[in-house]
Amino acid sequence: MHSMSFHGGVIETILFQGWRIDNAQGMVGSVIGVILLTALYEGLKSYREYLFSRTTFLRKNQQRKSRNALLFSGVHFFQTLLHVIQVVLGYFLMFIFMTYNYWLCIAVGAGTALGYWLFSWEKINNNNTDCCS
């Protein structure tokens, strides 16, 4: 049974039996991979927010169209696909964190910071106040 407390070390199985590491080089590679995977998650999240803000304008101008036309639009299918990918990726990251290996936990945190820094910087310049009006 796997430890339910934070621990170090380099022997770990991550997500799948095929992603098993047993030395420092494997851990370093896995940490880099987890950082990139988490940054990708943040990028996907930011891209979905960007798409949503771009399509909000289109939806407001298409109010005369039927609900079915919007529901079965290509943009909505694409957003649905991206949502599924984001949720699955989020669960993978949660399971990686739940290894309780502090190197992998730090990698998830560092990847989140890197991804936010790379992909969410334009939120600072966003003057959108739709949430409060």
C-alpha atoms as a PDB file:
ATOM      1  CA  MET A   1       0.000   0.000   0.000  1.00  0.00           C
ATOM      2  CA  HIS A   2       1.165   3.442  -0.813  1.00  0.00           C
ATOM      3  CA  SER A   3       2.074   5.942   1.920  1.00  0.00           C
ATOM      4  CA  MET A   4      -0.583   8.488   2.877  1.00  0.00           C
ATOM      5  CA  SER A   5       1.941  10.998   4.211  1.00  0.00           C
ATOM      6  CA  PHE A   6       4.394  13.280   2.450  1.00  0.00           C
ATOM      7  CA  HIS A   7       7.658  11.577   1.659  1.00  0.00           C
ATOM      8  CA  GLY A   8      10.740  12.003  -0.484  1.00  0.00           C
ATOM      9  CA  GLY A   9      12.681   9.491  -2.426  1.00  0.00           C
ATOM     10  CA  VAL A  10      12.986   8.578  -6.050  1.00  0.00           C
ATOM     11  CA  ILE A  11      11.066   5.295  -6.222  1.00  0.00           C
ATOM     12  CA  GLU A  12       7.537   6.043  -7.395  1.00  0.00           C
ATOM     13  CA  THR A  13       4.834   4.878  -9.768  1.00  0.00           C
ATOM     14  CA  ILE A  14       3.122   7.853 -11.369  1.00  0.00           C
ATOM     15  CA  LEU A  15      -0.382   7.400 -12.823  1.00  0.00           C
ATOM     16  CA  PHE A  16       0.377   4.212 -14.778  1.00  0.00           C
ATOM     17  CA  GLN A  17       2.506   1.097 -14.249  1.00  0.00           C
ATOM     18  CA  GLY A  18       4.556   2.179 -17.250  1.00  0.00           C
ATOM     19  CA  TRP A  19       5.532   5.448 -15.552  1.00  0.00           C
ATOM     20  CA  ARG A  20       7.615   3.904 -12.826  1.00  0.00           C
ATOM     21  CA  ILE A  21      10.813   5.586 -11.648  1.00  0.00           C
ATOM     22  CA  ASP A  22      13.529   4.175  -9.455  1.00  0.00           C
ATOM     23  CA  ASN A  23      16.461   6.587  -9.671  1.00  0.00           C
ATOM     24  CA  ALA A  24      17.265  10.294  -9.388  1.00  0.00           C
ATOM     25  CA  GLN A  25      17.417  10.790 -13.159  1.00  0.00           C
ATOM     26  CA  GLY A  26      13.924   9.385 -13.535  1.00  0.00           C
ATOM     27  CA  MET A  27      12.659  11.666 -10.780  1.00  0.00           C
ATOM     28  CA  VAL A  28      14.270  14.750 -12.358  1.00  0.00           C
ATOM     29  CA  GLY A  29      12.744  13.862 -15.721  1.00  0.00           C
ATOM     30  CA  SER A  30       9.367  13.215 -14.127  1.00  0.00           C
ATOM     31  CA  VAL A  31       9.485  16.505 -12.210  1.00  0.00           C
ATOM     32  CA  ILE A  32      10.227  18.371 -15.443  1.00  0.00           C
ATOM     33  CA  GLY A  33       7.413  16.477 -17.181  1.00  0.00           C
ATOM     34  CA  VAL A  34       4.945  17.258 -14.379  1.00  0.00           C
ATOM     35  CA  ILE A  35       5.916  20.943 -14.454  1.00  0.00           C
ATOM     36  CA  LEU A  36       5.278  21.031 -18.210  1.00  0.00           C
ATOM     37  CA  LEU A  37       2.020  19.076 -17.871  1.00  0.00           C
ATOM     38  CA  THR A  38       0.773  21.476 -15.199  1.00  0.00           C
ATOM     39  CA  ALA A  39       1.814  24.511 -17.245  1.00  0.00           C
ATOM     40  CA  LEU A  40      -0.096  22.998 -20.184  1.00  0.00           C
ATOM     41  CA  TYR A  41      -3.138  22.648 -17.927  1.00  0.00           C
ATOM     42  CA  GLU A  42      -2.921  26.339 -17.013  1.00  0.00           C
ATOM     43  CA  GLY A  43      -2.492  27.248 -20.668  1.00  0.00           C
ATOM     44  CA  LEU A  44      -5.541  25.204 -21.630  1.00  0.00           C
ATOM     45  CA  LYS A  45      -7.555  26.848 -18.870  1.00  0.00           C
ATOM     46  CA  SER A  46      -6.532  30.319 -20.051  1.00  0.00           C
ATOM     47  CA  TYR A  47      -7.246  29.426 -23.684  1.00  0.00           C
ATOM     48  CA  ARG A  48     -10.750  28.242 -22.767  1.00  0.00           C
ATOM     49  CA  GLU A  49     -11.387  31.524 -20.932  1.00  0.00           C
ATOM     50  CA  TYR A  50     -10.124  33.421 -23.981  1.00  0.00           C
ATOM     51  CA  LEU A  51     -12.399  31.431 -26.313  1.00  0.00           C
ATOM     52  CA  PHE A  52     -15.348  31.970 -23.993  1.00  0.00           C
ATOM     53  CA  SER A  53     -14.814  35.733 -23.935  1.00  0.00           C
ATOM     54  CA  ARG A  54     -14.478  35.812 -27.742  1.00  0.00           C
ATOM     55  CA  THR A  55     -17.619  33.753 -28.307  1.00  0.00           C
ATOM     56  CA  THR A  56     -19.692  35.730 -25.782  1.00  0.00           C
ATOM     57  CA  PHE A  57     -19.803  38.568 -28.287  1.00  0.00           C
ATOM     58  CA  LEU A  58     -20.938  36.184 -31.019  1.00  0.00           C
ATOM     59  CA  ARG A  59     -23.640  34.682 -28.795  1.00  0.00           C
ATOM     60  CA  LYS A  60     -25.019  38.119 -27.949  1.00  0.00           C
ATOM     61  CA  ASN A  61     -25.289  38.902 -31.651  1.00  0.00           C
ATOM     62  CA  GLN A  62     -26.944  35.556 -32.431  1.00  0.00           C
ATOM     63  CA  GLN A  63     -29.792  35.801 -29.952  1.00  0.00           C
ATOM     64  CA  ARG A  64     -32.262  35.515 -32.829  1.00  0.00           C
ATOM     65  CA  LYS A  65     -30.960  32.066 -33.738  1.00  0.00           C
ATOM     66  CA  SER A  66     -32.505  29.068 -32.105  1.00  0.00           C
ATOM     67  CA  ARG A  67     -30.967  27.533 -29.010  1.00  0.00           C
ATOM     68  CA  ASN A  68     -30.292  24.316 -30.954  1.00  0.00           C
ATOM     69  CA  ALA A  69     -28.199  26.188 -33.512  1.00  0.00           C
ATOM     70  CA  LEU A  70     -25.948  27.447 -30.726  1.00  0.00           C
ATOM     71  CA  LEU A  71     -25.967  24.141 -28.871  1.00  0.00           C
ATOM     72  CA  PHE A  72     -24.801  22.192 -31.927  1.00  0.00           C
ATOM     73  CA  SER A  73     -22.347  24.791 -33.210  1.00  0.00           C
ATOM     74  CA  GLY A  74     -18.749  23.839 -33.953  1.00  0.00           C
ATOM     75  CA  VAL A  75     -17.469  26.292 -31.355  1.00  0.00           C
ATOM     76  CA  HIS A  76     -19.561  24.654 -28.629  1.00  0.00           C
ATOM     77  CA  PHE A  77     -18.340  21.178 -29.606  1.00  0.00           C
ATOM     78  CA  PHE A  78     -14.752  22.447 -29.537  1.00  0.00           C
ATOM     79  CA  GLN A  79     -15.282  24.039 -26.111  1.00  0.00           C
ATOM     80  CA  THR A  80     -16.797  20.765 -24.879  1.00  0.00           C
ATOM     81  CA  LEU A  81     -13.783  18.791 -26.110  1.00  0.00           C
ATOM     82  CA  LEU A  82     -11.383  21.237 -24.447  1.00  0.00           C
ATOM     83  CA  HIS A  83     -13.414  21.032 -21.222  1.00  0.00           C
ATOM     84  CA  VAL A  84     -13.146  17.233 -21.160  1.00  0.00           C
ATOM     85  CA  ILE A  85      -9.380  17.409 -21.780  1.00  0.00           C
ATOM     86  CA  GLN A  86      -9.006  20.009 -19.009  1.00  0.00           C
ATOM     87  CA  VAL A  87     -10.983  17.949 -16.492  1.00  0.00           C
ATOM     88  CA  VAL A  88      -9.081  14.722 -17.250  1.00  0.00           C
ATOM     89  CA  LEU A  89      -5.752  16.556 -17.092  1.00  0.00           C
ATOM     90  CA  GLY A  90      -6.809  18.118 -13.780  1.00  0.00           C
ATOM     91  CA  TYR A  91      -7.586  14.684 -12.332  1.00  0.00           C
ATOM     92  CA  PHE A  92      -4.241  13.353 -13.550  1.00  0.00           C
ATOM     93  CA  LEU A  93      -2.500  16.226 -11.768  1.00  0.00           C
ATOM     94  CA  MET A  94      -4.521  15.550  -8.626  1.00  0.00           C
ATOM     95  CA  PHE A  95      -3.486  11.889  -8.717  1.00  0.00           C
ATOM     96  CA  ILE A  96       0.144  12.902  -9.210  1.00  0.00           C
ATOM     97  CA  PHE A  97      -0.108  15.154  -6.164  1.00  0.00           C
ATOM     98  CA  MET A  98      -1.721  12.298  -4.250  1.00  0.00           C
ATOM     99  CA  THR A  99       1.459  10.248  -4.573  1.00  0.00           C
ATOM    100  CA  TYR A 100       2.460  12.519  -1.655  1.00  0.00           C
ATOM    101  CA  ASN A 101       6.002  12.575  -2.977  1.00  0.00           C
ATOM    102  CA  TYR A 102       7.079  16.079  -2.122  1.00  0.00           C
ATOM    103  CA  TRP A 103       9.192  16.397  -5.283  1.00  0.00           C
ATOM    104  CA  LEU A 104       6.133  15.742  -7.417  1.00  0.00           C
ATOM    105  CA  CYS A 105       3.966  18.005  -5.250  1.00  0.00           C
ATOM    106  CA  ILE A 106       6.481  20.819  -5.641  1.00  0.00           C
ATOM    107  CA  ALA A 107       6.482  20.148  -9.404  1.00  0.00           C
ATOM    108  CA  VAL A 108       2.693  20.584  -9.538  1.00  0.00           C
ATOM    109  CA  GLY A 109       2.995  23.868  -7.639  1.00  0.00           C
ATOM    110  CA  ALA A 110       5.873  25.092  -9.791  1.00  0.00           C
ATOM    111  CA  GLY A 111       4.038  24.132 -12.983  1.00  0.00           C
ATOM    112  CA  THR A 112       0.947  26.003 -11.825  1.00  0.00           C
ATOM    113  CA  ALA A 113       3.051  29.094 -11.154  1.00  0.00           C
ATOM    114  CA  LEU A 114       4.870  28.786 -14.491  1.00  0.00           C
ATOM    115  CA  GLY A 115       1.659  28.229 -16.421  1.00  0.00           C
ATOM    116  CA  TYR A 116      -0.114  31.130 -14.765  1.00  0.00           C
ATOM    117  CA  TRP A 117       2.890  33.375 -15.371  1.00  0.00           C
ATOM    118  CA  LEU A 118       3.086  32.385 -19.042  1.00  0.00           C
ATOM    119  CA  PHE A 119      -0.596  32.283 -19.951  1.00  0.00           C
ATOM    120  CA  SER A 120      -2.576  34.482 -17.563  1.00  0.00           C
ATOM    121  CA  TRP A 121      -0.526  37.656 -17.584  1.00  0.00           C
ATOM    122  CA  GLU A 122      -3.039  39.501 -19.737  1.00  0.00           C
ATOM    123  CA  LYS A 123      -5.678  39.207 -16.997  1.00  0.00           C
ATOM    124  CA  ILE A 124      -3.866  42.121 -15.373  1.00  0.00           C
ATOM    125  CA  ASN A 125      -4.825  44.363 -18.300  1.00  0.00           C
ATOM    126  CA  ASN A 126      -8.374  43.038 -18.575  1.00  0.00           C
ATOM    127  CA  ASN A 127     -10.882  45.753 -17.771  1.00  0.00           C
ATOM    128  CA  ASN A 128     -13.824  43.390 -18.102  1.00  0.00           C
ATOM    129  CA  THR A 129     -16.322  44.125 -15.345  1.00  0.00           C
ATOM    130  CA  ASP A 130     -19.105  41.824 -16.541  1.00  0.00           C
ATOM    131  CA  CYS A 131     -19.016  39.923 -13.254  1.00  0.00           C
ATOM    132  CA  CYS A 132     -20.267  42.832 -11.194  1.00  0.00           C
ATOM    133  CA  SER A 133     -22.729  44.654 -13.433  1.00  0.00           C
END
